[in-house]
């Protein structure tokens, strides 16, 4: 029996509605432009400050697999690190694990959030958990953004915002962020939030459903979406990491995603992408390739006290067996190698870095170590000499 299709007229309203929703996605609501909390004025010196490796600590490994760490630095200088832990990525036993570091040592670790807890808080089905982003706001409030999937794979994911009254032991005020017009699916987070001058939160996010592209989200402290701005489309750009340059300007470095096909002869190697905003995140330039190779792997970005930018990445065309810190003194246009953090053989993995600035000006780096555990390193910024 032939299949009868619905009459075209009956589908027209749905097509028009879908087109209207899609065209509205990423628009900034009317209102005054947002402003970043400007970083401290750069320390002027005759020579550029250098990074000196400090301590290294491997975080507890309560499960066979660990990935996607995030760092929250508290006003007293202690740090909280969150990551997802389980038998493997996407497994039903994956939970968000956290550790507290003081004086370069782990003083506590605990399972912070699992599927059942998130289901109870959101009243939604949660099949698996992913990328956690933990952040301490200037007022000391601890925030957690976590990716969850109710149906399908990561392209069916959504982001939930939670706050903790007790340093990450328990979570409340869970709010699912509505960031996509397509059933609110296909939205994820990976990089650290940014403080805004009005007390709101700037959250880098990205879409992975149909198209891969960055998204800038401005939230109220209690998790209400104030505005969103879609970063311009590029060659499969995702996972933006944002660093403010002053009150209005910011730069974002993005992972260059793969389309799953092998590059042909003479193809340009994939590279880390760069985009900038000159109006508090309301608009972003089209992503452009930098001189840093990228094997479809996450990056982290941080502005240092001397005004330079620090980029943690896998500077390879293929593989994640080298993790390096790169440095830029021209707002991310060009980069030089600062330090090789880890180097192994093809097949090794040192990936998904996160960078945070400690109150004393040192840089804290966390990353995945062979998908087995999370490693944390500190880098002291040496005083520049005349």
Protein backbone atom coordinates (compact mmCIF):
# COMPACT_ATOMS: atom_id res chain seq x y z
CA UNK A 1 0.00 0.00 0.00
CA UNK A 2 1.49 3.40 -0.93
CA UNK A 3 2.33 5.72 1.94
CA UNK A 4 0.19 8.85 1.95
CA UNK A 5 1.99 12.03 2.88
CA UNK A 6 0.24 14.87 4.72
CA UNK A 7 -1.08 17.61 2.49
CA UNK A 8 1.52 20.32 1.96
CA UNK A 9 -0.88 22.93 3.31
CA UNK A 10 -1.03 21.15 6.67
CA UNK A 11 2.77 21.32 6.97
CA UNK A 12 3.13 24.99 6.06
CA UNK A 13 2.45 26.45 9.53
CA UNK A 14 5.02 24.12 11.05
CA UNK A 15 7.61 25.09 8.44
CA UNK A 16 6.96 28.79 8.98
CA UNK A 17 7.07 28.37 12.76
CA UNK A 18 10.35 26.44 12.59
CA UNK A 19 11.89 29.06 10.33
CA UNK A 20 10.79 31.83 12.66
CA UNK A 21 12.19 30.10 15.71
CA UNK A 22 15.48 29.38 13.94
CA UNK A 23 15.86 32.97 12.81
CA UNK A 24 15.28 34.21 16.35
CA UNK A 25 17.88 31.93 17.86
CA UNK A 26 20.83 33.78 19.32
CA UNK A 27 19.33 37.26 19.09
CA UNK A 28 20.12 39.68 21.92
CA UNK A 29 17.01 41.12 23.61
CA UNK A 30 16.81 44.93 23.60
CA UNK A 31 18.62 46.62 26.41
CA UNK A 32 21.96 48.13 27.39
CA UNK A 33 25.07 46.28 26.29
CA UNK A 34 26.68 43.99 28.82
CA UNK A 35 30.10 44.74 30.29
CA UNK A 36 32.80 42.42 31.56
CA UNK A 37 34.47 42.84 34.91
CA UNK A 38 37.69 44.35 33.56
CA UNK A 39 40.85 42.45 34.49
CA UNK A 40 43.41 44.18 36.65
CA UNK A 41 45.71 46.52 34.72
CA UNK A 42 48.63 44.66 33.21
CA UNK A 43 51.83 44.76 35.19
CA UNK A 44 54.24 46.77 33.11
CA UNK A 45 57.81 45.53 32.95
CA UNK A 46 60.81 45.77 30.67
CA UNK A 47 60.68 42.04 29.93
CA UNK A 48 57.81 39.62 29.81
CA UNK A 49 57.14 37.54 32.92
CA UNK A 50 57.84 33.83 32.62
CA UNK A 51 56.01 30.79 33.95
CA UNK A 52 57.87 28.63 36.43
CA UNK A 53 56.48 25.12 37.04
CA UNK A 54 55.28 24.57 40.56
CA UNK A 55 53.60 21.63 42.23
CA UNK A 56 51.87 18.67 40.62
CA UNK A 57 49.13 16.59 42.19
CA UNK A 58 47.14 13.65 40.83
CA UNK A 59 43.58 13.73 42.12
CA UNK A 60 41.96 10.63 43.63
CA UNK A 61 40.69 8.12 41.07
CA UNK A 62 37.64 6.38 42.56
CA UNK A 63 36.51 5.04 39.17
CA UNK A 64 38.22 3.50 36.11
CA UNK A 65 37.66 6.61 33.98
CA UNK A 66 37.88 10.37 34.57
CA UNK A 67 37.51 13.28 32.16
CA UNK A 68 36.55 16.93 31.60
CA UNK A 69 37.83 18.71 34.70
CA UNK A 70 36.91 22.23 35.78
CA UNK A 71 38.45 24.50 38.43
CA UNK A 72 36.80 26.93 40.84
CA UNK A 73 39.20 29.15 42.79
CA UNK A 74 37.82 30.53 46.04
CA UNK A 75 38.72 33.89 47.61
CA UNK A 76 40.88 32.20 50.26
CA UNK A 77 43.05 30.62 47.55
CA UNK A 78 41.73 27.09 47.90
CA UNK A 79 40.47 25.38 44.77
CA UNK A 80 37.67 22.98 43.93
CA UNK A 81 38.07 20.68 40.94
CA UNK A 82 35.09 18.88 39.38
CA UNK A 83 35.11 16.16 36.71
CA UNK A 84 32.95 13.32 35.49
CA UNK A 85 33.89 9.87 36.77
CA UNK A 86 32.63 6.38 35.97
CA UNK A 87 33.43 3.21 34.08
CA UNK A 88 33.62 5.13 30.79
CA UNK A 89 32.28 8.29 29.14
CA UNK A 90 28.52 8.09 28.70
CA UNK A 91 28.05 5.15 31.08
CA UNK A 92 25.01 5.18 33.34
CA UNK A 93 27.21 5.07 36.45
CA UNK A 94 28.97 8.35 35.60
CA UNK A 95 28.73 10.96 38.34
CA UNK A 96 30.29 14.35 39.00
CA UNK A 97 33.20 14.01 41.41
CA UNK A 98 34.90 16.87 43.25
CA UNK A 99 38.11 17.43 45.17
CA UNK A 100 39.26 20.28 47.38
CA UNK A 101 42.87 21.46 47.22
CA UNK A 102 44.62 23.60 49.82
CA UNK A 103 48.29 24.46 49.77
CA UNK A 104 48.81 22.25 46.76
CA UNK A 105 47.42 19.12 48.42
CA UNK A 106 44.10 17.30 48.27
CA UNK A 107 42.28 17.65 51.57
CA UNK A 108 38.96 16.03 50.56
CA UNK A 109 37.15 14.42 47.65
CA UNK A 110 33.55 13.27 47.28
CA UNK A 111 30.86 12.27 44.74
CA UNK A 112 29.05 15.58 44.24
CA UNK A 113 26.17 14.75 41.88
CA UNK A 114 24.78 11.65 40.18
CA UNK A 115 21.98 10.92 37.72
CA UNK A 116 19.38 10.14 40.38
CA UNK A 117 20.09 13.36 42.27
CA UNK A 118 19.86 15.47 39.12
CA UNK A 119 16.63 13.75 38.12
CA UNK A 120 15.13 14.52 41.53
CA UNK A 121 16.22 18.16 41.35
CA UNK A 122 15.01 18.79 37.78
CA UNK A 123 12.09 16.33 37.58
CA UNK A 124 13.44 15.16 34.22
CA UNK A 125 14.81 11.88 32.94
CA UNK A 126 18.62 11.83 32.99
CA UNK A 127 20.30 9.01 31.10
CA UNK A 128 23.86 10.23 31.42
CA UNK A 129 25.97 13.10 32.72
CA UNK A 130 28.82 14.96 31.06
CA UNK A 131 31.00 18.06 31.16
CA UNK A 132 30.78 19.81 34.55
CA UNK A 133 31.80 23.47 34.85
CA UNK A 134 32.32 24.63 38.43
CA UNK A 135 32.84 28.33 39.19
CA UNK A 136 33.12 30.58 42.22
CA UNK A 137 31.54 34.00 41.65
CA UNK A 138 33.18 37.14 43.06
CA UNK A 139 30.62 37.07 45.90
CA UNK A 140 31.77 33.57 46.91
CA UNK A 141 28.69 31.75 45.57
CA UNK A 142 29.59 28.35 44.12
CA UNK A 143 27.95 27.50 40.80
CA UNK A 144 27.85 24.25 38.82
CA UNK A 145 26.83 23.89 35.19
CA UNK A 146 26.43 20.29 34.10
CA UNK A 147 25.56 18.62 30.80
CA UNK A 148 22.95 15.88 30.88
CA UNK A 149 21.24 13.74 28.25
CA UNK A 150 17.67 12.51 28.45
CA UNK A 151 17.46 11.01 24.98
CA UNK A 152 20.01 10.12 22.31
CA UNK A 153 23.69 11.05 22.40
CA UNK A 154 25.50 14.29 23.22
CA UNK A 155 23.60 16.03 20.41
CA UNK A 156 20.50 15.56 22.59
CA UNK A 157 22.03 17.20 25.64
CA UNK A 158 20.98 20.18 27.76
CA UNK A 159 22.62 22.28 30.49
CA UNK A 160 21.47 22.58 34.10
CA UNK A 161 22.63 25.31 36.48
CA UNK A 162 22.93 24.54 40.21
CA UNK A 163 24.18 26.38 43.26
CA UNK A 164 25.69 25.01 46.45
CA UNK A 165 25.34 26.42 49.98
CA UNK A 166 28.09 24.22 51.44
CA UNK A 167 31.11 24.17 49.14
CA UNK A 168 29.83 21.58 46.70
CA UNK A 169 28.65 18.92 49.13
CA UNK A 170 25.00 19.46 48.22
CA UNK A 171 23.26 21.29 45.38
CA UNK A 172 19.97 23.12 45.09
CA UNK A 173 18.16 25.71 43.01
CA UNK A 174 18.56 23.54 39.91
CA UNK A 175 17.47 25.30 36.74
CA UNK A 176 17.56 23.80 33.26
CA UNK A 177 18.81 26.49 30.90
CA UNK A 178 16.72 27.04 27.78
CA UNK A 179 19.40 27.73 25.17
CA UNK A 180 18.07 26.13 22.00
CA UNK A 181 14.80 26.59 20.10
CA UNK A 182 14.84 22.95 18.93
CA UNK A 183 13.29 21.26 21.99
CA UNK A 184 16.20 22.72 24.00
CA UNK A 185 18.51 19.94 22.79
CA UNK A 186 22.09 19.88 21.58
CA UNK A 187 23.57 22.49 23.95
CA UNK A 188 26.68 21.87 26.07
CA UNK A 189 29.25 23.72 28.18
CA UNK A 190 32.94 23.14 28.68
CA UNK A 191 34.88 26.36 29.48
CA UNK A 192 34.92 28.60 32.55
CA UNK A 193 32.33 31.38 33.07
CA UNK A 194 33.22 35.06 33.13
CA UNK A 195 32.16 37.64 35.72
CA UNK A 196 30.09 40.53 34.36
CA UNK A 197 30.13 44.07 35.75
CA UNK A 198 26.43 44.01 36.70
CA UNK A 199 26.80 40.83 38.77
CA UNK A 200 25.52 38.53 36.05
CA UNK A 201 27.39 35.50 34.69
CA UNK A 202 28.87 35.20 31.22
CA UNK A 203 28.75 31.53 30.20
CA UNK A 204 30.51 30.18 27.11
CA UNK A 205 28.44 27.35 25.63
CA UNK A 206 28.03 25.63 22.27
CA UNK A 207 25.59 23.80 20.03
CA UNK A 208 26.31 20.34 18.69
CA UNK A 209 22.97 19.55 17.06
CA UNK A 210 23.06 19.74 13.23
CA UNK A 211 25.66 22.52 13.30
CA UNK A 212 28.62 23.04 15.64
CA UNK A 213 28.98 26.64 16.77
CA UNK A 214 29.78 28.66 19.87
CA UNK A 215 27.19 30.42 22.00
CA UNK A 216 27.55 33.25 24.50
CA UNK A 217 25.02 33.24 27.35
CA UNK A 218 24.40 35.89 29.99
CA UNK A 219 22.69 34.64 33.15
CA UNK A 220 21.37 36.19 36.32
CA UNK A 221 23.07 34.84 39.49
CA UNK A 222 20.07 32.54 40.09
CA UNK A 223 20.26 31.05 36.61
CA UNK A 224 17.72 33.01 34.56
CA UNK A 225 18.82 33.44 30.93
CA UNK A 226 19.07 37.17 30.29
CA UNK A 227 20.33 37.04 26.72
CA UNK A 228 22.20 34.84 24.28
CA UNK A 229 24.41 35.57 21.31
CA UNK A 230 25.25 32.94 18.73
CA UNK A 231 28.87 33.12 17.64
CA UNK A 232 29.11 33.34 13.88
CA UNK A 233 29.28 30.06 12.03
CA UNK A 234 32.69 28.71 11.20
CA UNK A 235 34.32 25.43 10.19
CA UNK A 236 32.69 23.33 12.90
CA UNK A 237 33.71 25.57 15.79
CA UNK A 238 32.80 24.59 19.33
CA UNK A 239 33.76 24.79 23.02
CA UNK A 240 34.69 28.50 23.17
CA UNK A 241 37.03 29.58 25.98
CA UNK A 242 36.67 33.31 26.69
CA UNK A 243 39.07 35.83 28.25
CA UNK A 244 38.05 39.49 28.76
CA UNK A 245 40.62 42.05 27.65
CA UNK A 246 38.87 45.04 29.23
CA UNK A 247 35.31 46.07 30.11
CA UNK A 248 33.98 45.68 26.57
CA UNK A 249 36.44 43.54 24.62
CA UNK A 250 37.02 39.81 24.88
CA UNK A 251 38.70 37.10 22.85
CA UNK A 252 37.54 33.50 22.52
CA UNK A 253 39.54 30.52 21.34
CA UNK A 254 37.58 27.58 19.98
CA UNK A 255 38.09 23.92 19.29
CA UNK A 256 38.01 23.09 15.60
CA UNK A 257 35.62 20.16 15.28
CA UNK A 258 35.97 17.35 12.77
CA UNK A 259 33.41 16.30 10.20
CA UNK A 260 34.52 12.68 10.53
CA UNK A 261 36.20 12.56 7.14
CA UNK A 262 39.91 12.17 6.52
CA UNK A 263 41.63 15.26 5.15
CA UNK A 264 42.66 15.00 1.52
CA UNK A 265 46.14 15.60 0.10
CA UNK A 266 47.22 19.22 0.41
CA UNK A 267 44.44 20.07 2.88
CA UNK A 268 45.14 22.80 5.43
CA UNK A 269 45.77 21.23 8.86
CA UNK A 270 43.02 22.00 11.39
CA UNK A 271 43.84 24.84 13.76
CA UNK A 272 42.54 26.49 16.91
CA UNK A 273 40.00 29.16 15.98
CA UNK A 274 39.76 32.73 17.27
CA UNK A 275 36.84 35.15 17.54
CA UNK A 276 36.52 38.50 19.32
CA UNK A 277 33.77 40.68 20.75
CA UNK A 278 33.98 44.45 21.09
CA UNK A 279 30.63 44.97 22.84
CA UNK A 280 30.49 42.80 25.93
CA UNK A 281 29.64 39.60 24.10
CA UNK A 282 26.66 40.93 22.16
CA UNK A 283 28.35 40.17 18.83
CA UNK A 284 31.32 38.03 17.80
CA UNK A 285 33.46 38.07 14.68
CA UNK A 286 33.57 35.10 12.32
CA UNK A 287 36.03 32.48 13.68
CA UNK A 288 39.41 32.54 11.99
CA UNK A 289 42.19 29.96 12.13
CA UNK A 290 45.26 30.74 14.24
CA UNK A 291 48.78 29.37 13.88
CA UNK A 292 48.13 26.71 16.56
CA UNK A 293 47.24 23.21 15.27
CA UNK A 294 44.18 21.52 16.77
CA UNK A 295 43.30 17.79 16.50
CA UNK A 296 39.61 18.29 17.34
CA UNK A 297 40.44 18.73 21.04
CA UNK A 298 39.40 21.16 23.76
CA UNK A 299 41.41 24.23 24.74
CA UNK A 300 41.59 26.51 27.79
CA UNK A 301 42.32 30.24 27.90
CA UNK A 302 43.48 32.62 30.64
CA UNK A 303 44.61 36.24 30.83
CA UNK A 304 47.73 36.55 32.96
CA UNK A 305 48.60 39.51 35.24
CA UNK A 306 51.12 40.84 32.70
CA UNK A 307 48.32 41.17 30.12
CA UNK A 308 49.41 38.23 27.97
CA UNK A 309 47.13 35.31 27.18
CA UNK A 310 47.85 31.71 28.13
CA UNK A 311 46.43 28.88 26.01
CA UNK A 312 46.45 25.22 27.05
CA UNK A 313 46.03 22.91 24.07
CA UNK A 314 47.16 19.86 22.13
CA UNK A 315 49.24 21.58 19.39
CA UNK A 316 49.02 18.68 16.96
CA UNK A 317 47.23 17.98 13.71
CA UNK A 318 46.32 14.54 15.01
CA UNK A 319 46.33 12.95 18.47
CA UNK A 320 46.28 14.26 22.03
CA UNK A 321 49.62 12.92 23.24
CA UNK A 322 51.22 16.36 23.69
CA UNK A 323 49.79 19.04 25.99
CA UNK A 324 51.39 22.47 25.87
CA UNK A 325 50.99 25.98 27.19
CA UNK A 326 51.15 28.68 24.52
CA UNK A 327 51.57 32.42 25.12
CA UNK A 328 50.27 35.43 23.16
CA UNK A 329 51.09 39.11 23.59
CA UNK A 330 48.81 40.35 20.79
CA UNK A 331 45.38 39.30 22.06
CA UNK A 332 45.58 35.83 20.58
CA UNK A 333 46.58 36.65 17.02
CA UNK A 334 49.89 34.80 17.26
CA UNK A 335 51.23 32.29 19.75
CA UNK A 336 54.59 30.98 20.93
CA UNK A 337 55.24 27.79 22.86
CA UNK A 338 55.72 28.51 26.55
CA UNK A 339 55.98 25.03 28.03
CA UNK A 340 55.39 21.40 27.11
CA UNK A 341 53.34 20.09 30.01
CA UNK A 342 53.04 16.44 28.93
CA UNK A 343 54.50 14.49 26.04
CA UNK A 344 53.87 10.83 25.27
CA UNK A 345 53.53 8.43 22.39
CA UNK A 346 50.70 8.42 19.85
CA UNK A 347 47.76 6.83 21.60
CA UNK A 348 48.45 8.56 24.91
CA UNK A 349 45.98 11.22 25.94
CA UNK A 350 46.54 14.46 27.90
CA UNK A 351 43.44 16.44 27.12
CA UNK A 352 40.57 18.75 28.03
CA UNK A 353 42.61 21.33 29.95
CA UNK A 354 41.17 23.94 32.27
CA UNK A 355 42.97 27.10 33.44
CA UNK A 356 42.26 29.31 36.43
CA UNK A 357 44.03 32.24 38.08
CA UNK A 358 44.86 32.00 41.78
CA UNK A 359 44.70 35.08 44.05
CA UNK A 360 48.51 35.21 44.15
CA UNK A 361 48.65 35.48 40.35
CA UNK A 362 49.77 31.93 39.67
CA UNK A 363 48.08 29.78 37.02
CA UNK A 364 46.35 26.51 37.89
CA UNK A 365 46.02 23.89 35.14
CA UNK A 366 43.95 20.71 35.33
CA UNK A 367 43.62 18.10 32.60
CA UNK A 368 42.73 14.50 31.81
CA UNK A 369 45.56 12.01 32.22
CA UNK A 370 45.03 9.02 29.88
CA UNK A 371 41.29 9.05 30.74
CA UNK A 372 42.28 7.47 34.05
CA UNK A 373 42.49 10.43 36.41
CA UNK A 374 42.79 14.22 36.65
CA UNK A 375 46.16 15.91 37.13
CA UNK A 376 46.61 19.44 38.49
CA UNK A 377 49.70 21.57 37.99
CA UNK A 378 50.51 25.08 39.15
CA UNK A 379 52.72 27.62 37.40
CA UNK A 380 54.17 30.55 39.28
CA UNK A 381 54.56 33.75 37.32
CA UNK A 382 58.14 34.90 37.82
CA UNK A 383 58.74 38.58 38.33
CA UNK A 384 59.94 40.25 35.19
CA UNK A 385 63.36 41.86 35.54
CA UNK A 386 64.37 45.16 33.96
